[in-house]
């Protein structure tokens, strides 16, 4: 069946499912496959649970008039999303970057929603499956789309651009992450730059941080661009410290506005400024931008402030890489007074660079708080076992230790990759 024919079915049944355990009545189930699962096996079950159709790519499961056989289910999903995106005929902003893309995405969607009906990537559905699902959730009421694009190997952003067809683009920053897949920092740089390349070829507009030398370099040859930064930019602003929160003094055409936020960490300054710049470009009232940023609260373990009695916890275990880890530690130690503690989990997917990068993080930790630092994971355990730092192979070991040796007051930064499960530590303080 062709993409156009599947699209006709989608118009009648505009709900997509890729999980046979979560079937909505009248949806279309795409039987995706992975290393440890085969969705084709659940095609019939999905129909029995209420799916209108199941899209499959293995002949033996073509057992019903409601199963549709295609050559490749994933390709069919991506082609359907790309076809749908063309029918939408709305502006779409693509966003990628090593750090801050999820927070920036949510800030951008929040401020743009003051003028448009915005549809944007939910959670971290930013890969070759998540981007199509994001697009397919957009409908005739959507006026603006914001699509987050993640990558862990070269060429992936270019592939996602061919699906989402963005008109505008922003790279939050470029740092060391997923080095196992990219091979090197140059690989990261090249991959993130694929968004700029696509937008430039389409004659769209990019937004870039002029304070970032690398982004300044990558954007140098692009004609249609809007800069934001602390000086010499189209849209300017400066950070205002109000520990533990970061605020922004932003310069709009009619004057200065203070953008107060509920975000923690110096590094969030550029995320706020980027959102304000983009909203300003699209004509959102500055006072509504100010209101939107003030009301935004981070969720899902991203720069969250959690108060438990005399303990203040900065929960930032949504993700971690060398760039974000060092930024979080420096911001935490420079902005919060009192007794400080660090709970740091391994940074995953660094490949051959892992040992060296974990050692560099350990070197950042001041001697004064070494006894208040807890390292979790195999890499930190190896790198820190001969230091004054407390090391634990996994979060369960640390959990047991803190149960017997509780932290009763002070500030705690919890930072690590999601795979380390540092959120378990919060149970101790509940």
Protein backbone atom coordinates (compact mmCIF):
# COMPACT_ATOMS: atom_id res chain seq x y z
CA UNK A 1 0.00 0.00 0.00
CA UNK A 2 1.34 3.44 -0.93
CA UNK A 3 1.97 6.31 1.46
CA UNK A 4 -0.92 8.24 -0.07
CA UNK A 5 -3.29 5.33 0.54
CA UNK A 6 -2.13 4.94 4.14
CA UNK A 7 -2.62 8.68 4.56
CA UNK A 8 -6.26 8.36 3.52
CA UNK A 9 -6.72 5.86 6.33
CA UNK A 10 -4.85 8.18 8.73
CA UNK A 11 -7.22 11.06 7.92
CA UNK A 12 -10.09 8.84 9.08
CA UNK A 13 -8.14 7.40 12.03
CA UNK A 14 -5.70 10.14 13.16
CA UNK A 15 -4.32 8.35 16.20
CA UNK A 16 -1.05 6.43 15.90
CA UNK A 17 0.14 3.73 18.28
CA UNK A 18 3.44 1.86 18.36
CA UNK A 19 2.72 0.03 21.62
CA UNK A 20 0.23 -2.84 21.53
CA UNK A 21 -0.25 -2.48 25.29
CA UNK A 22 -1.63 1.03 24.85
CA UNK A 23 -4.22 0.82 22.09
CA UNK A 24 -6.82 3.55 21.67
CA UNK A 25 -10.03 2.62 19.90
CA UNK A 26 -9.85 3.44 16.20
CA UNK A 27 -6.08 4.01 16.11
CA UNK A 28 -3.59 2.72 13.54
CA UNK A 29 -0.98 0.40 15.05
CA UNK A 30 2.49 0.42 13.51
CA UNK A 31 4.21 -2.90 14.28
CA UNK A 32 7.77 -1.66 14.79
CA UNK A 33 10.67 -4.02 15.40
CA UNK A 34 13.76 -3.74 17.58
CA UNK A 35 16.60 -5.89 18.86
CA UNK A 36 14.41 -7.46 21.54
CA UNK A 37 10.87 -7.17 20.18
CA UNK A 38 8.81 -7.72 17.05
CA UNK A 39 5.63 -5.69 16.82
CA UNK A 40 4.34 -7.88 14.01
CA UNK A 41 3.55 -10.53 16.61
CA UNK A 42 1.04 -8.19 18.25
CA UNK A 43 -0.73 -6.92 15.14
CA UNK A 44 -3.77 -9.15 15.61
CA UNK A 45 -3.90 -8.40 19.33
CA UNK A 46 -3.89 -4.67 18.61
CA UNK A 47 -6.89 -5.06 16.31
CA UNK A 48 -8.75 -7.11 18.89
CA UNK A 49 -8.15 -4.30 21.40
CA UNK A 50 -9.74 -1.74 19.10
CA UNK A 51 -7.13 -0.67 16.55
CA UNK A 52 -8.67 0.09 13.17
CA UNK A 53 -5.62 -1.20 11.31
CA UNK A 54 -2.21 -2.75 11.96
CA UNK A 55 0.69 -1.90 9.67
CA UNK A 56 3.04 -4.90 9.38
CA UNK A 57 6.06 -5.94 7.32
CA UNK A 58 6.08 -9.75 7.75
CA UNK A 59 3.82 -11.79 5.49
CA UNK A 60 3.00 -14.47 8.07
CA UNK A 61 1.12 -11.94 10.21
CA UNK A 62 -1.06 -10.71 7.34
CA UNK A 63 -4.07 -12.61 8.66
CA UNK A 64 -6.83 -10.00 8.53
CA UNK A 65 -8.39 -7.47 6.19
CA UNK A 66 -7.36 -4.93 8.83
CA UNK A 67 -3.65 -5.74 8.58
CA UNK A 68 -1.72 -3.80 5.95
CA UNK A 69 1.52 -5.28 4.64
CA UNK A 70 4.34 -2.88 3.76
CA UNK A 71 8.00 -3.40 2.96
CA UNK A 72 9.27 -1.70 6.13
CA UNK A 73 7.05 -0.48 8.99
CA UNK A 74 9.50 2.14 10.27
CA UNK A 75 9.95 3.59 6.77
CA UNK A 76 6.18 3.60 6.31
CA UNK A 77 5.77 5.56 9.56
CA UNK A 78 8.44 8.08 8.57
CA UNK A 79 7.04 8.49 5.05
CA UNK A 80 3.54 9.01 6.44
CA UNK A 81 4.83 11.67 8.83
CA UNK A 82 6.73 13.50 6.05
CA UNK A 83 3.66 13.39 3.79
CA UNK A 84 1.46 14.69 6.62
CA UNK A 85 3.93 17.47 7.40
CA UNK A 86 3.61 18.72 3.80
CA UNK A 87 -0.18 18.81 4.07
CA UNK A 88 0.01 20.85 7.28
CA UNK A 89 1.67 23.81 5.56
CA UNK A 90 2.68 25.42 8.86
CA UNK A 91 6.00 26.83 10.10
CA UNK A 92 8.11 24.30 11.96
CA UNK A 93 11.13 25.06 14.12
CA UNK A 94 13.71 22.31 14.45
CA UNK A 95 15.85 22.26 17.58
CA UNK A 96 18.93 20.23 18.41
CA UNK A 97 22.00 20.57 20.60
CA UNK A 98 24.14 18.70 23.09
CA UNK A 99 22.58 20.28 26.17
CA UNK A 100 19.48 22.30 26.95
CA UNK A 101 17.41 21.33 23.92
CA UNK A 102 14.51 19.89 25.92
CA UNK A 103 14.30 22.89 28.27
CA UNK A 104 14.72 25.33 25.39
CA UNK A 105 12.09 23.47 23.36
CA UNK A 106 9.60 23.73 26.20
CA UNK A 107 10.38 27.40 26.80
CA UNK A 108 9.96 28.15 23.09
CA UNK A 109 6.64 26.29 22.94
CA UNK A 110 5.47 28.07 26.09
CA UNK A 111 6.18 31.57 24.81
CA UNK A 112 4.94 30.93 21.26
CA UNK A 113 1.68 29.53 22.65
CA UNK A 114 0.87 33.09 23.74
CA UNK A 115 0.18 33.82 20.06
CA UNK A 116 -0.14 30.49 18.23
CA UNK A 117 -1.68 27.06 18.73
CA UNK A 118 1.58 25.19 19.19
CA UNK A 119 2.29 21.47 18.93
CA UNK A 120 5.70 20.31 20.16
CA UNK A 121 7.77 17.26 20.99
CA UNK A 122 6.62 15.60 24.19
CA UNK A 123 9.27 14.38 26.61
CA UNK A 124 12.35 13.13 24.76
CA UNK A 125 10.58 11.69 21.69
CA UNK A 126 13.26 13.18 19.48
CA UNK A 127 14.63 10.26 17.44
CA UNK A 128 13.76 8.45 14.20
CA UNK A 129 10.52 7.23 15.80
CA UNK A 130 9.73 10.15 18.08
CA UNK A 131 9.96 12.83 15.37
CA UNK A 132 7.39 11.09 13.12
CA UNK A 133 5.06 10.59 16.09
CA UNK A 134 5.40 14.28 16.98
CA UNK A 135 4.46 15.33 13.46
CA UNK A 136 1.52 12.94 13.29
CA UNK A 137 0.05 14.49 16.44
CA UNK A 138 -0.24 17.83 14.64
CA UNK A 139 -3.59 18.57 13.02
CA UNK A 140 -5.53 21.25 11.17
CA UNK A 141 -5.74 23.34 14.36
CA UNK A 142 -1.95 23.46 14.77
CA UNK A 143 -0.48 26.82 13.77
CA UNK A 144 3.16 26.28 14.74
CA UNK A 145 5.28 23.19 15.30
CA UNK A 146 8.39 22.82 17.46
CA UNK A 147 10.30 19.60 16.82
CA UNK A 148 13.21 18.45 18.96
CA UNK A 149 15.84 16.39 17.15
CA UNK A 150 18.29 14.15 18.97
CA UNK A 151 21.13 12.13 17.51
CA UNK A 152 23.75 9.60 18.54
CA UNK A 153 25.43 9.05 15.18
CA UNK A 154 26.45 11.08 12.14
CA UNK A 155 23.78 11.76 9.52
CA UNK A 156 20.87 11.36 11.92
CA UNK A 157 19.91 15.06 12.10
CA UNK A 158 19.97 15.24 8.30
CA UNK A 159 17.60 12.26 8.15
CA UNK A 160 15.23 13.84 10.68
CA UNK A 161 15.22 17.08 8.69
CA UNK A 162 14.00 15.16 5.64
CA UNK A 163 11.02 14.02 7.72
CA UNK A 164 10.18 17.21 9.64
CA UNK A 165 11.15 19.66 6.86
CA UNK A 166 11.82 22.53 9.31
CA UNK A 167 11.64 26.15 8.15
CA UNK A 168 13.55 27.48 11.15
CA UNK A 169 16.32 26.00 13.25
CA UNK A 170 18.28 26.44 16.45
CA UNK A 171 21.27 24.57 17.88
CA UNK A 172 21.45 25.21 21.62
CA UNK A 173 25.14 24.31 21.88
CA UNK A 174 27.64 21.65 20.84
CA UNK A 175 29.51 19.64 23.44
CA UNK A 176 30.85 16.20 24.21
CA UNK A 177 28.05 13.64 24.31
CA UNK A 178 27.33 10.25 22.71
CA UNK A 179 30.99 10.10 21.71
CA UNK A 180 30.65 6.35 21.40
CA UNK A 181 28.35 6.82 18.40
CA UNK A 182 29.85 10.00 16.93
CA UNK A 183 33.45 8.83 17.22
CA UNK A 184 34.82 12.23 18.24
CA UNK A 185 33.87 15.80 19.07
CA UNK A 186 34.28 16.67 15.37
CA UNK A 187 31.61 14.05 14.67
CA UNK A 188 29.26 15.76 17.13
CA UNK A 189 29.96 19.13 15.55
CA UNK A 190 29.32 17.85 12.03
CA UNK A 191 26.08 16.14 12.99
CA UNK A 192 24.57 19.09 14.85
CA UNK A 193 25.58 21.32 11.96
CA UNK A 194 23.37 19.23 9.66
CA UNK A 195 20.40 21.27 10.91
CA UNK A 196 22.03 24.53 9.82
CA UNK A 197 22.88 22.98 6.46
CA UNK A 198 19.29 21.92 5.82
CA UNK A 199 17.79 25.27 6.89
CA UNK A 200 20.31 27.14 4.74
CA UNK A 201 19.52 25.05 1.65
CA UNK A 202 15.81 25.63 2.24
CA UNK A 203 16.48 29.37 2.59
CA UNK A 204 14.94 29.30 6.04
CA UNK A 205 16.08 31.17 9.14
CA UNK A 206 18.39 30.02 11.91
CA UNK A 207 18.65 31.42 15.43
CA UNK A 208 22.08 31.21 17.04
CA UNK A 209 23.93 32.23 20.17
CA UNK A 210 26.53 34.80 19.10
CA UNK A 211 28.35 34.34 22.43
CA UNK A 212 29.19 30.78 21.40
CA UNK A 213 32.31 30.81 19.13
CA UNK A 214 31.49 27.42 17.64
CA UNK A 215 27.94 28.39 16.67
CA UNK A 216 29.25 31.72 15.37
CA UNK A 217 31.66 29.78 13.15
CA UNK A 218 29.05 27.31 11.89
CA UNK A 219 26.58 30.07 11.04
CA UNK A 220 29.10 32.39 9.36
CA UNK A 221 28.12 31.52 5.77
CA UNK A 222 24.36 31.45 6.38
CA UNK A 223 22.49 34.48 5.07
CA UNK A 224 19.18 34.28 6.93
CA UNK A 225 19.99 34.32 10.62
CA UNK A 226 18.99 35.98 13.86
CA UNK A 227 21.49 36.18 16.69
CA UNK A 228 20.98 36.36 20.44
CA UNK A 229 23.60 37.01 23.08
CA UNK A 230 24.96 39.39 25.68
CA UNK A 231 26.29 41.90 23.11
CA UNK A 232 26.62 42.50 19.36
CA UNK A 233 23.51 40.44 18.62
CA UNK A 234 20.09 41.01 17.06
CA UNK A 235 18.49 40.29 20.44
CA UNK A 236 20.47 40.96 23.60
CA UNK A 237 20.19 40.30 27.30
CA UNK A 238 22.29 39.66 30.38
CA UNK A 239 21.93 37.15 33.20
CA UNK A 240 20.68 38.25 36.60
CA UNK A 241 21.52 36.06 39.57
CA UNK A 242 18.82 35.44 42.15
CA UNK A 243 20.10 32.25 43.81
CA UNK A 244 19.14 29.58 43.22
CA UNK A 245 17.27 30.91 40.17
CA UNK A 246 18.55 32.58 37.02
CA UNK A 247 16.74 35.57 35.51
CA UNK A 248 17.35 37.59 32.35
CA UNK A 249 17.42 41.32 31.68
CA UNK A 250 16.31 41.40 28.03
CA UNK A 251 16.32 44.27 25.57
CA UNK A 252 13.16 44.58 23.47
CA UNK A 253 12.41 47.28 20.88
CA UNK A 254 10.36 49.33 23.34
CA UNK A 255 12.62 48.86 26.32
CA UNK A 256 14.05 46.51 28.91
CA UNK A 257 12.11 43.69 30.55
CA UNK A 258 13.18 41.41 33.37
CA UNK A 259 12.38 37.78 32.57
CA UNK A 260 12.15 36.01 35.91
CA UNK A 261 12.32 32.23 35.78
CA UNK A 262 12.03 29.14 37.94
CA UNK A 263 15.13 27.65 36.34
CA UNK A 264 18.31 26.84 38.24
CA UNK A 265 21.83 27.10 36.83
CA UNK A 266 23.77 29.78 34.95
CA UNK A 267 23.59 27.62 31.82
CA UNK A 268 19.83 28.23 31.59
CA UNK A 269 20.44 31.91 30.80
CA UNK A 270 21.03 31.15 27.13
CA UNK A 271 17.98 28.87 27.00
CA UNK A 272 15.71 31.65 28.29
CA UNK A 273 17.29 34.23 26.00
CA UNK A 274 16.86 31.95 22.98
CA UNK A 275 13.15 31.45 23.70
CA UNK A 276 12.61 35.18 24.16
CA UNK A 277 14.49 35.95 20.94
CA UNK A 278 12.43 33.50 18.90
CA UNK A 279 9.12 34.65 20.38
CA UNK A 280 10.08 38.27 19.73
CA UNK A 281 10.92 37.42 16.11
CA UNK A 282 7.46 35.93 15.63
CA UNK A 283 5.73 38.93 17.10
CA UNK A 284 4.72 37.70 20.53
CA UNK A 285 3.93 40.58 22.90
CA UNK A 286 6.98 41.08 25.18
CA UNK A 287 4.76 41.23 28.26
CA UNK A 288 3.29 37.86 27.32
CA UNK A 289 6.81 36.49 26.85
CA UNK A 290 7.62 37.70 30.36
CA UNK A 291 4.44 36.10 31.73
CA UNK A 292 5.07 32.76 30.01
CA UNK A 293 8.65 32.43 31.26
CA UNK A 294 7.63 33.32 34.80
CA UNK A 295 4.97 30.59 34.82
CA UNK A 296 7.17 27.85 33.33
CA UNK A 297 8.33 25.18 35.77
CA UNK A 298 10.84 22.45 34.81
CA UNK A 299 9.77 18.84 35.25
CA UNK A 300 11.15 15.33 34.79
CA UNK A 301 14.31 15.79 36.86
CA UNK A 302 15.61 18.76 34.87
CA UNK A 303 17.06 21.54 37.04
CA UNK A 304 14.29 21.08 39.59
CA UNK A 305 14.47 22.61 43.05
CA UNK A 306 13.08 20.19 45.63
CA UNK A 307 12.86 21.22 49.27
CA UNK A 308 12.78 18.52 51.95
CA UNK A 309 12.92 20.04 55.42
CA UNK A 310 16.34 21.66 55.84
CA UNK A 311 17.62 20.07 52.64
CA UNK A 312 17.50 21.77 49.22
CA UNK A 313 17.94 19.37 46.31
CA UNK A 314 18.86 20.46 42.80
CA UNK A 315 17.59 17.49 40.80
CA UNK A 316 19.22 17.39 37.37
CA UNK A 317 19.42 13.70 36.49
CA UNK A 318 17.49 13.85 33.23
CA UNK A 319 20.72 13.43 31.31
CA UNK A 320 24.45 14.02 31.65
CA UNK A 321 27.58 14.46 29.55
CA UNK A 322 30.94 16.15 30.24
CA UNK A 323 29.71 19.58 29.14
CA UNK A 324 26.51 19.61 31.16
CA UNK A 325 28.10 17.93 34.18
CA UNK A 326 30.87 20.52 34.52
CA UNK A 327 28.42 23.40 33.95
CA UNK A 328 26.06 22.07 36.63
CA UNK A 329 28.82 21.60 39.20
CA UNK A 330 30.32 25.05 38.62
CA UNK A 331 26.94 26.78 38.77
CA UNK A 332 25.88 24.89 41.89
CA UNK A 333 29.06 25.62 43.84
CA UNK A 334 29.21 29.30 42.86
CA UNK A 335 25.58 30.22 43.53
CA UNK A 336 24.50 28.37 46.67
CA UNK A 337 25.90 29.19 50.08
CA UNK A 338 25.92 26.83 53.04
CA UNK A 339 26.92 23.19 53.24
CA UNK A 340 27.01 21.65 49.75
CA UNK A 341 26.89 18.01 48.66
CA UNK A 342 27.44 16.45 45.24
CA UNK A 343 25.79 13.20 44.14
CA UNK A 344 27.14 12.44 40.67
CA UNK A 345 26.28 9.50 38.44
CA UNK A 346 28.16 8.09 35.46
CA UNK A 347 27.95 9.83 32.09
CA UNK A 348 26.99 7.11 29.63
CA UNK A 349 27.79 6.54 25.94
CA UNK A 350 31.24 8.11 25.98
CA UNK A 351 33.03 5.08 24.56
CA UNK A 352 36.83 5.24 24.60
CA UNK A 353 36.69 8.75 26.08
CA UNK A 354 34.80 7.63 29.18
CA UNK A 355 37.65 7.11 31.67
CA UNK A 356 39.36 10.39 30.80
CA UNK A 357 36.15 12.43 30.92
CA UNK A 358 35.11 11.02 34.30
CA UNK A 359 38.58 11.80 35.67
CA UNK A 360 38.27 15.39 34.43
CA UNK A 361 34.99 15.79 36.32
CA UNK A 362 36.61 14.51 39.50
CA UNK A 363 39.37 17.09 39.06
CA UNK A 364 36.72 19.83 39.09
CA UNK A 365 35.60 18.97 42.62
CA UNK A 366 37.13 21.27 45.24
CA UNK A 367 39.02 19.60 48.06
CA UNK A 368 36.77 21.36 50.57
CA UNK A 369 33.73 19.30 49.59
CA UNK A 370 35.49 16.04 48.69
CA UNK A 371 34.09 14.35 51.79
CA UNK A 372 30.61 15.54 50.79
CA UNK A 373 30.82 14.08 47.28
CA UNK A 374 29.24 10.76 46.31
CA UNK A 375 30.09 9.13 42.97
CA UNK A 376 27.83 6.44 41.51
CA UNK A 377 28.52 4.04 38.65
CA UNK A 378 31.29 1.83 37.30
CA UNK A 379 33.24 4.64 35.61
CA UNK A 380 33.23 7.01 38.57
CA UNK A 381 34.00 4.07 40.85
CA UNK A 382 37.17 3.28 38.89
CA UNK A 383 38.25 6.88 38.50
CA UNK A 384 37.56 7.97 42.08
CA UNK A 385 38.31 4.95 44.23
CA UNK A 386 41.75 6.22 45.26
CA UNK A 387 40.53 9.70 46.15
CA UNK A 388 38.83 11.19 49.21
CA UNK A 389 35.49 10.94 47.39
CA UNK A 390 32.94 8.31 48.33
CA UNK A 391 32.37 5.87 45.46
CA UNK A 392 29.55 3.38 44.86
CA UNK A 393 29.09 0.88 42.06
CA UNK A 394 25.35 1.55 41.75
CA UNK A 395 22.54 3.66 43.17
CA UNK A 396 21.37 0.88 45.48
CA UNK A 397 24.70 0.94 47.32
CA UNK A 398 24.46 4.70 47.77
CA UNK A 399 20.83 4.42 48.84
CA UNK A 400 21.79 2.01 51.62
CA UNK A 401 24.67 4.25 52.72
CA UNK A 402 22.52 7.38 52.92
CA UNK A 403 19.82 5.51 54.80
CA UNK A 404 22.37 4.81 57.53
CA UNK A 405 24.18 8.16 57.17
CA UNK A 406 21.46 10.67 56.29
CA UNK A 407 22.07 14.21 55.05
CA UNK A 408 20.06 16.40 57.41
CA UNK A 409 20.71 19.90 56.08
CA UNK A 410 22.42 21.69 53.23
CA UNK A 411 22.25 21.83 49.43
CA UNK A 412 22.54 18.74 47.23
CA UNK A 413 23.20 18.59 43.50
CA UNK A 414 22.07 15.29 41.97
CA UNK A 415 23.43 14.95 38.43
CA UNK A 416 23.91 11.92 36.18
CA UNK A 417 22.69 9.98 33.17
CA UNK A 418 19.17 8.55 33.36
CA UNK A 419 20.52 5.01 33.19
CA UNK A 420 22.09 5.41 36.66
CA UNK A 421 18.61 5.94 38.20
CA UNK A 422 19.66 8.64 40.65
CA UNK A 423 16.02 9.61 41.14
CA UNK A 424 15.86 6.68 43.59
CA UNK A 425 17.78 8.84 46.08
CA UNK A 426 14.79 11.17 46.38
CA UNK A 427 12.91 8.38 48.18
CA UNK A 428 15.22 8.85 51.16
CA UNK A 429 14.00 12.40 51.67
CA UNK A 430 10.27 11.79 51.12
